[in-house]
Protein backbone atom coordinates (compact mmCIF):
# COMPACT_ATOMS: atom_id res chain seq x y z
CA MET A 1 133.16 -80.70 -4.66
CA LEU A 2 135.90 -82.57 -6.57
CA GLY A 3 138.67 -80.22 -7.60
CA SER A 4 137.75 -77.50 -5.09
CA MET A 5 140.38 -76.09 -2.76
CA PRO A 6 140.45 -77.24 0.89
CA ARG A 7 138.44 -74.91 3.13
CA GLY A 8 138.83 -74.40 6.83
CA THR A 9 136.44 -74.44 9.72
CA ASN A 10 136.08 -72.11 12.66
CA ALA A 11 135.25 -74.85 15.18
CA PRO A 12 137.89 -75.04 17.95
CA MET A 13 138.17 -78.85 17.77
CA VAL A 14 140.00 -78.71 14.42
CA GLY A 15 142.41 -75.92 15.22
CA ASP A 16 145.39 -78.07 14.19
CA TYR A 17 143.86 -78.61 10.77
CA ASN A 18 143.21 -74.90 10.30
CA GLN A 19 146.76 -74.09 11.34
CA SER A 20 148.15 -76.57 8.81
CA LEU A 21 145.81 -75.19 6.15
CA VAL A 22 147.04 -71.62 6.69
CA LEU A 23 150.64 -72.81 6.77
CA ASP A 24 150.16 -74.68 3.48
CA LYS A 25 148.59 -71.69 1.72
CA VAL A 26 151.41 -69.38 2.80
CA ARG A 27 154.04 -72.00 1.88
CA ARG A 28 152.65 -72.13 -1.67
CA ALA A 29 152.88 -68.35 -2.08
CA PRO A 30 156.56 -67.36 -2.41
CA ALA A 31 155.67 -63.66 -2.43
CA GLY A 32 153.72 -64.03 0.82
CA LEU A 33 150.05 -63.57 1.71
CA SER A 34 148.15 -60.95 3.66
CA GLN A 35 145.50 -61.95 6.18
CA VAL A 36 142.81 -60.83 3.74
CA GLU A 37 144.21 -63.18 1.09
CA ILE A 38 144.44 -66.05 3.60
CA ILE A 39 140.78 -65.51 4.53
CA GLN A 40 139.81 -65.64 0.85
CA LEU A 41 141.78 -68.84 0.26
CA THR A 42 140.70 -70.74 3.38
CA GLY A 43 137.20 -69.49 4.18
CA LEU A 44 138.24 -68.96 7.81
CA SER A 45 137.03 -66.03 9.86
CA LYS A 46 139.11 -62.91 10.33
CA GLN A 47 139.62 -63.69 14.02
CA THR A 48 140.71 -67.27 13.34
CA VAL A 49 143.22 -66.19 10.70
CA SER A 50 144.52 -63.42 12.94
CA ASN A 51 145.07 -65.85 15.81
CA ILE A 52 146.75 -68.46 13.62
CA THR A 53 149.09 -66.07 11.81
CA ARG A 54 150.13 -64.48 15.09
CA ARG A 55 150.81 -67.89 16.65
CA LEU A 56 152.77 -69.15 13.64
CA SER A 57 154.76 -65.92 13.48
CA ASP A 58 155.58 -66.11 17.19
CA ASP A 59 156.73 -69.72 16.75
CA GLY A 60 159.00 -68.82 13.85
CA TRP A 61 157.03 -70.44 11.02
CA PHE A 62 156.24 -67.10 9.35
CA ARG A 63 158.24 -63.96 8.82
CA SER A 64 156.60 -60.61 8.17
CA LEU A 65 157.27 -58.65 5.00
CA ALA A 66 157.12 -54.91 4.49
CA ALA A 67 153.63 -53.46 4.78
CA THR A 68 151.87 -52.62 1.51
CA VAL A 69 149.10 -50.14 0.76
CA THR A 70 146.52 -51.28 -1.81
CA GLY A 71 143.97 -48.51 -1.79
CA ARG A 72 142.04 -47.23 1.21
CA GLY A 73 142.25 -48.69 4.65
CA LYS A 74 144.94 -50.11 6.87
CA PRO A 75 148.20 -51.22 5.19
CA ARG A 76 148.50 -54.96 4.75
CA THR A 77 151.49 -56.82 6.16
CA PRO A 78 152.03 -60.07 4.23
CA VAL A 79 153.57 -63.08 5.91
CA GLN A 80 155.97 -65.46 4.20
CA ILE A 81 157.08 -68.96 5.10
CA ASN A 82 160.35 -69.19 7.01
CA PRO A 83 162.11 -71.97 5.06
CA GLY A 84 164.68 -72.53 7.80
CA ARG A 85 162.04 -73.34 10.43
CA LEU A 86 161.99 -77.06 9.54
CA PHE A 87 163.97 -79.49 7.42
CA ALA A 88 163.46 -83.06 6.21
CA ILE A 89 165.85 -85.72 4.96
CA GLY A 90 164.88 -87.75 1.91
CA LEU A 91 166.46 -91.05 0.81
CA HIS A 92 165.74 -92.77 -2.49
CA LEU A 93 166.91 -96.38 -2.59
CA ASP A 94 167.06 -97.39 -6.25
CA PRO A 95 169.00 -100.51 -7.29
CA SER A 96 171.18 -98.28 -9.47
CA LEU A 97 172.01 -95.59 -6.93
CA VAL A 98 171.11 -94.08 -3.58
CA THR A 99 170.18 -90.39 -3.56
CA ALA A 100 169.97 -88.35 -0.36
CA VAL A 101 168.66 -84.79 0.01
CA ILE A 102 167.91 -82.27 2.73
CA LEU A 103 164.81 -80.21 1.94
CA ASP A 104 163.81 -77.00 3.69
CA LEU A 105 160.23 -76.02 4.44
CA GLY A 106 160.10 -73.84 1.34
CA GLY A 107 160.85 -76.86 -0.86
CA ALA A 108 164.44 -75.91 -1.69
CA THR A 109 167.13 -78.59 -1.76
CA VAL A 110 169.71 -77.55 0.82
CA ALA A 111 172.07 -80.47 0.21
CA SER A 112 172.15 -83.56 -1.99
CA ARG A 113 174.37 -86.59 -2.62
CA SER A 114 174.13 -89.59 -4.93
CA VAL A 115 176.20 -92.77 -4.61
CA VAL A 116 176.23 -95.61 -7.14
CA GLY A 117 176.24 -99.26 -6.03
CA LEU A 118 175.46 -98.57 -2.39
CA LEU A 119 172.83 -101.33 -2.23
CA ASN A 120 175.01 -104.07 -3.70
CA GLU A 121 176.32 -105.15 -0.29
CA HIS A 122 174.57 -106.95 2.57
CA PRO A 123 171.63 -104.80 3.72
CA SER A 124 173.17 -104.13 7.16
CA GLU A 125 176.41 -102.89 5.59
CA SER A 126 174.49 -100.83 3.05
CA ILE A 127 172.48 -99.20 5.85
CA ASN A 128 175.69 -98.30 7.68
CA ARG A 129 177.02 -96.60 4.56
CA ILE A 130 173.72 -94.78 4.01
CA VAL A 131 173.83 -93.49 7.59
CA ASP A 132 177.40 -92.27 7.06
CA LEU A 133 176.29 -90.54 3.86
CA VAL A 134 173.45 -88.74 5.63
CA GLU A 135 175.60 -87.76 8.62
CA GLU A 136 178.22 -86.25 6.31
CA MET A 137 175.53 -84.40 4.37
CA ILE A 138 174.03 -82.92 7.56
CA HIS A 139 177.46 -81.84 8.78
CA ARG A 140 178.38 -80.14 5.50
CA SER A 141 175.01 -78.43 5.14
CA GLY A 142 175.22 -76.70 8.52
CA VAL A 143 171.58 -77.56 9.28
CA GLU A 144 170.89 -77.81 13.00
CA ARG A 145 169.89 -81.34 13.91
CA THR A 146 167.12 -80.09 16.17
CA MET A 147 165.43 -78.52 13.13
CA ILE A 148 165.20 -81.84 11.23
CA ALA A 149 161.69 -83.30 11.43
CA GLY A 150 162.46 -86.79 10.19
CA VAL A 151 163.75 -89.09 7.47
CA GLY A 152 161.64 -90.18 4.51
CA VAL A 153 162.68 -93.30 2.60
CA ALA A 154 161.47 -94.05 -0.92
CA SER A 155 162.06 -97.56 -2.24
CA PRO A 156 160.91 -99.67 -5.17
CA GLY A 157 157.86 -101.75 -4.34
CA PRO A 158 156.15 -103.80 -3.39
CA LEU A 159 156.57 -102.97 0.30
CA ASP A 160 155.30 -104.36 3.58
CA ILE A 161 154.61 -100.96 5.16
CA PRO A 162 153.54 -102.24 8.64
CA ARG A 163 156.81 -104.19 8.90
CA GLY A 164 158.90 -101.53 7.20
CA SER A 165 160.38 -103.97 4.69
CA LEU A 166 160.66 -104.77 0.98
CA ILE A 167 158.89 -107.74 -0.65
CA ASN A 168 160.99 -109.64 -3.21
CA PRO A 169 162.47 -106.45 -4.68
CA PRO A 170 163.85 -106.96 -8.21
CA LYS A 171 167.60 -106.39 -8.57
CA LEU A 172 168.08 -106.09 -4.79
CA ASP A 173 169.38 -109.47 -3.68
CA GLY A 174 169.19 -110.08 0.06
CA TRP A 175 166.76 -107.24 0.78
CA ASP A 176 163.56 -109.33 0.86
CA GLY A 177 162.01 -108.91 4.32
CA PHE A 178 164.80 -106.64 5.61
CA ASN A 179 163.35 -104.06 8.01
CA ILE A 180 164.65 -100.79 6.56
CA THR A 181 162.59 -98.61 8.87
CA ALA A 182 163.88 -100.23 12.08
CA ALA A 183 167.49 -100.26 10.87
CA LEU A 184 167.46 -96.55 10.06
CA ARG A 185 165.47 -95.63 13.16
CA ASP A 186 168.09 -97.35 15.30
CA SER A 187 170.78 -95.23 13.65
CA PHE A 188 169.03 -91.85 13.71
CA SER A 189 167.28 -89.89 16.41
CA TYR A 190 164.53 -88.94 13.97
CA PRO A 191 161.24 -90.56 12.93
CA VAL A 192 161.59 -92.69 9.78
CA ILE A 193 158.83 -93.01 7.16
CA LEU A 194 158.97 -95.64 4.41
CA ASP A 195 156.97 -95.49 1.19
CA LYS A 196 157.15 -96.56 -2.43
CA ASP A 197 159.29 -94.36 -4.65
CA THR A 198 156.39 -93.83 -7.04
CA LEU A 199 154.03 -92.67 -4.29
CA ALA A 200 156.74 -90.51 -2.72
CA ALA A 201 157.41 -88.85 -6.07
CA ALA A 202 153.71 -88.07 -6.49
CA ILE A 203 153.58 -86.57 -2.98
CA GLY A 204 156.64 -84.47 -3.78
CA GLU A 205 155.02 -83.30 -6.99
CA CYS A 206 151.88 -82.26 -5.11
CA TRP A 207 153.98 -80.38 -2.56
CA ALA A 208 155.99 -78.64 -5.25
CA ARG A 209 153.04 -77.53 -7.40
CA ASP A 210 150.87 -74.54 -6.55
CA ASN A 211 147.78 -76.02 -8.20
CA ALA A 212 147.91 -79.65 -7.01
CA ASP A 213 144.68 -79.27 -5.01
CA GLY A 214 142.71 -78.94 -8.21
CA GLU A 215 144.28 -81.80 -10.16
CA SER A 216 143.76 -85.48 -10.78
CA LEU A 217 147.47 -86.21 -11.14
CA LEU A 218 148.95 -89.38 -12.62
CA PHE A 219 152.70 -89.73 -12.03
CA MET A 220 154.49 -92.13 -14.39
CA TYR A 221 157.81 -93.10 -12.83
CA LEU A 222 160.73 -94.51 -14.82
CA GLY A 223 163.56 -95.79 -12.65
CA THR A 224 165.29 -99.13 -12.82
CA GLY A 225 161.68 -100.34 -13.03
CA ILE A 226 158.47 -98.59 -14.05
CA GLY A 227 155.58 -97.66 -11.76
CA CYS A 228 152.87 -95.06 -11.32
CA ALA A 229 151.00 -93.15 -8.62
CA PHE A 230 147.73 -91.25 -8.60
CA ALA A 231 146.70 -88.22 -6.56
CA SER A 232 143.20 -86.81 -6.54
CA ASN A 233 142.86 -83.25 -5.28
CA GLY A 234 146.25 -83.51 -3.56
CA THR A 235 145.53 -86.82 -1.80
CA ILE A 236 147.49 -89.93 -2.79
CA VAL A 237 145.56 -93.12 -3.59
CA ARG A 238 147.55 -95.85 -1.82
CA GLY A 239 145.45 -99.00 -2.13
CA ALA A 240 144.66 -101.67 0.45
CA THR A 241 148.31 -102.59 1.10
CA HIS A 242 149.89 -99.21 0.26
CA ASN A 243 151.20 -100.71 -2.99
CA ALA A 244 149.06 -99.00 -5.61
CA GLY A 245 150.80 -98.39 -8.92
CA GLU A 246 152.56 -101.73 -9.48
CA ILE A 247 152.27 -101.77 -13.27
CA GLY A 248 155.51 -103.52 -14.25
CA HIS A 249 153.78 -106.79 -15.09
CA ILE A 250 150.97 -105.34 -17.16
CA ARG A 251 151.37 -106.98 -20.55
CA SER A 252 152.10 -104.41 -23.24
CA ASP A 253 152.90 -106.95 -25.99
CA THR A 254 151.82 -110.58 -25.79
CA GLN A 255 154.56 -111.47 -28.29
CA GLY A 256 157.22 -109.47 -26.47
CA THR A 257 160.40 -110.54 -24.73
CA LEU A 258 160.20 -113.11 -21.93
CA CYS A 259 160.02 -111.53 -18.45
CA PHE A 260 161.51 -113.08 -15.31
CA CYS A 261 157.93 -113.68 -14.13
CA GLY A 262 157.54 -116.25 -16.91
CA ARG A 263 155.22 -114.25 -19.18
CA ARG A 264 155.99 -112.31 -22.32
CA GLY A 265 155.61 -108.61 -23.02
CA CYS A 266 155.54 -107.22 -19.48
CA LEU A 267 155.70 -103.42 -19.35
CA GLY A 268 158.62 -103.43 -16.93
CA ARG A 269 160.65 -105.68 -19.22
CA ALA A 270 159.81 -103.58 -22.30
CA THR A 271 160.89 -100.32 -20.65
CA ASP A 272 163.78 -101.44 -18.42
CA PRO A 273 166.63 -99.00 -19.24
CA TYR A 274 169.31 -101.66 -18.73
CA GLN A 275 167.39 -104.06 -20.96
CA LEU A 276 167.25 -101.35 -23.63
CA ILE A 277 171.03 -101.12 -23.42
CA GLU A 278 171.38 -104.92 -23.70
CA ASP A 279 169.12 -104.89 -26.75
CA ALA A 280 171.23 -102.10 -28.23
CA VAL A 281 174.34 -104.23 -27.70
CA VAL A 282 172.70 -107.14 -29.55
CA LEU A 283 171.82 -104.79 -32.42
CA GLY A 284 175.41 -103.57 -32.58
CA LEU A 285 174.45 -100.01 -31.72
CA VAL A 286 176.71 -99.75 -28.65
CA PRO A 287 179.79 -101.68 -27.43
CA SER A 288 179.27 -104.92 -25.50
CA SER A 289 180.89 -103.34 -22.43
CA SER A 290 177.85 -101.03 -22.16
CA ALA A 291 175.77 -103.86 -20.64
CA ALA A 292 177.75 -103.71 -17.38
CA LEU A 293 177.69 -99.95 -16.86
CA SER A 294 176.77 -98.17 -13.65
CA TYR A 295 173.98 -95.59 -13.44
CA ASP A 296 176.04 -92.67 -14.78
CA GLY A 297 177.38 -94.79 -17.62
CA ALA A 298 173.90 -96.09 -18.45
CA LEU A 299 172.62 -92.50 -18.67
CA ARG A 300 175.36 -91.68 -21.18
CA VAL A 301 174.54 -94.72 -23.33
CA LEU A 302 170.83 -93.88 -23.30
CA GLU A 303 171.67 -90.34 -24.37
CA GLU A 304 173.75 -91.79 -27.20
CA LEU A 305 170.81 -93.95 -28.26
CA GLY A 306 168.66 -90.83 -28.29
CA GLU A 307 171.18 -89.07 -30.51
CA MET A 308 171.22 -92.08 -32.88
CA ALA A 309 167.44 -91.95 -33.08
CA ASP A 310 167.68 -88.22 -33.89
CA GLU A 311 170.00 -89.12 -36.76
CA GLY A 312 167.44 -91.63 -38.04
CA ILE A 313 169.48 -94.79 -37.41
CA PRO A 314 166.80 -97.49 -37.85
CA GLY A 315 167.86 -99.77 -34.99
CA ALA A 316 167.82 -96.93 -32.44
CA VAL A 317 164.55 -95.52 -33.78
CA ASN A 318 162.82 -98.90 -33.58
CA LEU A 319 164.21 -99.68 -30.12
CA LEU A 320 163.08 -96.42 -28.54
CA THR A 321 159.77 -96.33 -30.41
CA ARG A 322 158.89 -99.81 -29.15
CA ALA A 323 159.58 -98.79 -25.53
CA ALA A 324 157.72 -95.50 -26.01
CA ASN A 325 154.70 -97.31 -27.43
CA ALA A 326 154.58 -99.58 -24.39
CA ILE A 327 154.66 -96.60 -22.01
CA ALA A 328 152.12 -94.71 -24.13
CA GLU A 329 149.64 -97.58 -24.14
CA ALA A 330 149.92 -98.05 -20.37
CA THR A 331 149.49 -94.30 -19.87
CA ARG A 332 146.45 -94.24 -22.15
CA VAL A 333 144.74 -97.01 -20.20
CA LEU A 334 145.56 -95.41 -16.83
CA VAL A 335 144.37 -91.96 -17.96
CA SER A 336 141.08 -93.45 -19.10
CA ALA A 337 140.61 -95.53 -15.93
CA LEU A 338 141.55 -92.76 -13.51
CA ASP A 339 140.23 -89.74 -15.42
CA ALA A 340 143.54 -87.93 -14.95
CA SER A 341 143.75 -84.23 -15.79
CA LEU A 342 147.55 -84.07 -15.56
CA VAL A 343 150.16 -86.73 -16.37
CA VAL A 344 153.65 -86.13 -14.99
CA PHE A 345 156.67 -88.16 -16.06
CA GLY A 346 159.84 -88.47 -14.03
CA GLY A 347 162.33 -90.74 -12.31
CA PRO A 348 166.08 -91.39 -12.50
CA PHE A 349 165.96 -92.69 -16.08
CA TRP A 350 163.37 -90.34 -17.56
CA SER A 351 165.48 -87.39 -18.71
CA PRO A 352 167.79 -88.99 -21.33
CA LEU A 353 164.90 -90.35 -23.39
CA SER A 354 162.13 -87.93 -22.46
CA LYS A 355 162.07 -86.13 -25.82
CA HIS A 356 161.64 -89.35 -27.77
CA TYR A 357 159.12 -90.85 -25.38
CA LEU A 358 157.01 -87.71 -25.04
CA SER A 359 156.46 -87.28 -28.77
CA VAL A 360 155.04 -90.83 -29.03
CA ILE A 361 153.03 -90.59 -25.80
CA GLU A 362 151.46 -87.25 -26.71
CA ALA A 363 150.53 -88.49 -30.17
CA GLN A 364 148.89 -91.64 -28.81
CA LEU A 365 146.93 -89.81 -26.12
CA GLU A 366 145.77 -87.21 -28.63
CA ALA A 367 144.56 -89.95 -31.00
CA ALA A 368 142.83 -91.99 -28.28
CA PRO A 369 139.02 -91.78 -28.00
CA GLN A 370 138.13 -89.33 -25.25
CA HIS A 371 135.06 -90.02 -23.13
CA ALA A 372 135.37 -86.59 -21.53
CA PRO A 373 137.59 -84.07 -23.37
CA PRO A 374 139.93 -82.29 -23.18
CA SER A 375 142.99 -84.55 -23.19
CA PRO A 376 145.14 -84.45 -20.06
CA ARG A 377 148.16 -82.16 -19.91
CA ILE A 378 151.49 -83.98 -20.27
CA GLU A 379 154.45 -82.59 -18.32
CA THR A 380 157.86 -83.55 -16.92
CA THR A 381 158.32 -83.48 -13.16
CA VAL A 382 159.38 -80.20 -11.57
CA MET A 383 161.77 -82.15 -9.29
CA GLY A 384 164.31 -83.37 -11.88
CA ASN A 385 166.16 -86.69 -11.56
CA ALA A 386 165.99 -86.51 -7.75
CA ALA A 387 162.19 -86.88 -7.73
CA GLY A 388 162.35 -89.99 -5.55
CA ALA A 389 164.55 -88.42 -2.86
CA ILE A 390 162.72 -85.07 -2.87
CA GLY A 391 159.45 -86.98 -2.68
CA ALA A 392 160.82 -88.96 0.27
CA ALA A 393 161.61 -85.75 2.14
CA SER A 394 158.14 -84.49 1.26
CA LEU A 395 156.72 -87.57 3.01
CA VAL A 396 157.96 -86.09 6.28
CA PHE A 397 156.42 -82.68 5.64
CA ASP A 398 153.22 -84.32 4.40
CA GLN A 399 152.84 -86.21 7.67
CA GLU A 400 153.86 -83.29 9.86
CA LEU A 401 151.89 -80.57 8.09
CA SER A 402 149.12 -82.34 6.19
CA THR A 403 145.85 -80.52 5.52
CA ARG A 404 143.86 -83.72 5.15
CA LEU A 405 141.26 -83.93 7.90
CA SER A 406 141.56 -87.71 7.94
CA THR A 407 145.06 -87.42 9.40
CA TYR A 408 143.89 -85.60 12.50
CA GLN A 409 142.63 -87.20 15.68
CA ILE A 410 139.65 -85.03 16.58
CA SER A 411 138.29 -85.30 20.12
CA ILE A 412 134.72 -84.19 20.67
């Protein structure tokens, strides 16, 4: 049934799935779970749960907590995930900056680095610098290399996933067709997984949330460009070419500004943070030098625009309201089409304008006709500005420890 929690099976042929299911339930319970609680959550038999928890404890995935007495009967000994049992590296390649993280199995960020302008060079040189960044981060973190499961890479789309490359990426000159996956795999001794930053962020959100299994989650991602991703009951909808969520050229205003694609009013053009800054320069709201700022500088200017809007300065209010209306209308259409129960906003450029955008978005969604109330919940990502990189690391865990039966090769 849609929205129900994944249940296990006691058939031997899907033992790997059951093991991943138990691991996932314990991972999502910071205080730990007893075998009785695991049985209730998974539907597995007592013997199956006993065998799995013993095996995972012996292999170092679980650690036992102090026994507790809850009434009559034998004391219960909860097990808790061992966060240091496995690590994953996440890379987010945004035209504005590259963010790298090391994530432990418990979802905590062990190390992180962000470097501006790293993708402005030839792709091969950029890859060399990214590798150096990751190697330094591993060294400083003290994480044992043998405990790293792989490298997840999140990049703006569209992507050619089978070839591991980008397809005509905006604002990334020279990267069209460059095989990112092969280049990084040649430099590391780990598996490398490439995915869109929007899809990676949605996967990271599902991994970070306790209740993702029961949600129809729409992730609205605001980076250098805008995109979205959708997860139903914890499973990402990828599309035929793994490029679902390319919404930048949806027309939000037929009379809007000319986009590089040749049409007017594209959503990506209307919400581009650097374009907002250029428009603010034209309006005299910020100095002309603001148009050439790096990521950190752009964040500061956007925060200043937000402060101007708070003060009621008409130019700033109109500028941000126009962008917010474009995002709100796209969100309204997507919520209606996908029947989303939860809308999450995030990305590198979300935080400085989130207050102004959210008020407009919430008002528009509340006023929109609802075919099936109630309205979806509107929230900001739990991953902060590093959603792309944390999501990229989650790609590795998602592949290694997925509880989706479709990912398992079952021999009968």
